Amino acid sequence: MTPTQPITKSRKQMKRLNKEIDAAGEITNSIRYVQRGEKKYVVDGHHRLALAKQKGFKDVPAEEVGLPFRGYKTEKDLEYSQY
């Protein structure tokens, strides 16, 4: 999956999310993505995905969504840009 934005949570927030994942033993909320060609662009769940990768999870729950989705209106919005 391809990120569309940087990680923005503080260390404290990431630590809290990490503890929630550890307690559950898995990612419980789906990562949402938009598929374009062969690429899957993450539109919700960047922080969960980053922690899943860090933990070496092979599978995470994921759900394909279409545009528009929240702040993503067009394909141009899927391009990664650092603020």
Protein backbone atom coordinates (compact mmCIF):
# COMPACT_ATOMS: atom_id res chain seq x y z
CA MET A 1 0.00 0.00 0.00
CA THR A 2 1.22 3.46 -0.89
CA PRO A 3 0.98 6.25 1.72
CA THR A 4 -0.57 9.54 0.66
CA GLN A 5 0.60 11.56 3.65
CA PRO A 6 3.30 11.54 6.33
CA ILE A 7 2.93 10.27 9.89
CA THR A 8 1.64 13.21 11.91
CA LYS A 9 0.82 11.78 15.33
CA SER A 10 3.07 12.63 18.26
CA ARG A 11 5.25 9.97 19.88
CA LYS A 12 2.80 9.85 22.76
CA GLN A 13 -0.15 9.25 20.42
CA MET A 14 1.77 6.57 18.50
CA LYS A 15 2.72 4.89 21.78
CA ARG A 16 -0.96 4.80 22.80
CA LEU A 17 -1.98 3.33 19.43
CA ASN A 18 0.84 0.80 19.71
CA LYS A 19 -0.46 -0.31 23.12
CA GLU A 20 -3.99 -0.70 21.70
CA ILE A 21 -2.65 -2.90 18.90
CA ASP A 22 -0.58 -4.95 21.36
CA ALA A 23 -3.62 -5.46 23.61
CA ALA A 24 -5.75 -6.64 20.67
CA GLY A 25 -2.93 -8.63 19.10
CA GLU A 26 -3.90 -7.27 15.70
CA ILE A 27 -5.08 -4.22 13.79
CA THR A 28 -8.81 -4.07 14.50
CA ASN A 29 -9.86 -1.15 12.28
CA SER A 30 -9.58 -1.54 8.52
CA ILE A 31 -7.08 0.47 6.56
CA ARG A 32 -8.96 2.17 3.74
CA TYR A 33 -7.45 2.57 0.31
CA VAL A 34 -8.25 3.69 -3.22
CA GLN A 35 -7.05 1.40 -6.01
CA ARG A 36 -5.64 2.96 -9.18
CA GLY A 37 -4.12 0.48 -11.58
CA GLU A 38 -1.82 -1.81 -9.62
CA LYS A 39 -1.38 0.68 -6.75
CA LYS A 40 -3.37 0.89 -3.55
CA TYR A 41 -3.28 4.40 -2.07
CA VAL A 42 -3.94 4.65 1.68
CA VAL A 43 -6.63 7.21 2.47
CA ASP A 44 -7.33 6.21 6.08
CA GLY A 45 -5.06 4.32 8.47
CA HIS A 46 -1.55 5.61 7.79
CA HIS A 47 -0.58 5.33 11.46
CA ARG A 48 -2.03 1.83 11.88
CA LEU A 49 -0.26 0.69 8.71
CA ALA A 50 3.08 2.15 9.86
CA LEU A 51 2.84 0.31 13.18
CA ALA A 52 1.74 -2.92 11.47
CA LYS A 53 4.82 -2.76 9.24
CA GLN A 54 7.00 -2.01 12.26
CA LYS A 55 5.59 -5.07 14.03
CA GLY A 56 6.07 -7.28 10.99
CA PHE A 57 2.38 -8.03 10.45
CA LYS A 58 1.88 -9.84 7.16
CA ASP A 59 -1.85 -9.13 6.92
CA VAL A 60 -3.94 -6.18 8.01
CA PRO A 61 -7.66 -5.65 7.49
CA ALA A 62 -8.18 -3.41 4.48
CA GLU A 63 -11.18 -2.02 2.67
CA GLU A 64 -11.29 -0.51 -0.80
CA VAL A 65 -13.19 2.76 -1.03
CA GLY A 66 -13.92 5.09 -3.92
CA LEU A 67 -13.35 8.76 -4.50
CA PRO A 68 -14.46 11.08 -3.11
CA PHE A 69 -13.51 9.86 0.37
CA ARG A 70 -13.18 12.38 3.19
CA GLY A 71 -10.58 14.95 2.09
CA TYR A 72 -9.63 13.00 -1.03
CA LYS A 73 -11.72 14.31 -3.92
CA THR A 74 -9.72 13.51 -7.05
CA GLU A 75 -6.79 11.31 -8.11
CA LYS A 76 -4.53 14.35 -7.71
CA ASP A 77 -5.26 14.22 -3.97
CA LEU A 78 -3.68 10.75 -3.82
CA GLU A 79 -0.23 12.14 -4.61
CA TYR A 80 2.03 12.15 -1.56
CA SER A 81 3.17 15.58 -0.51
CA GLN A 82 4.99 16.61 2.61
CA TYR A 83 3.35 19.66 4.11
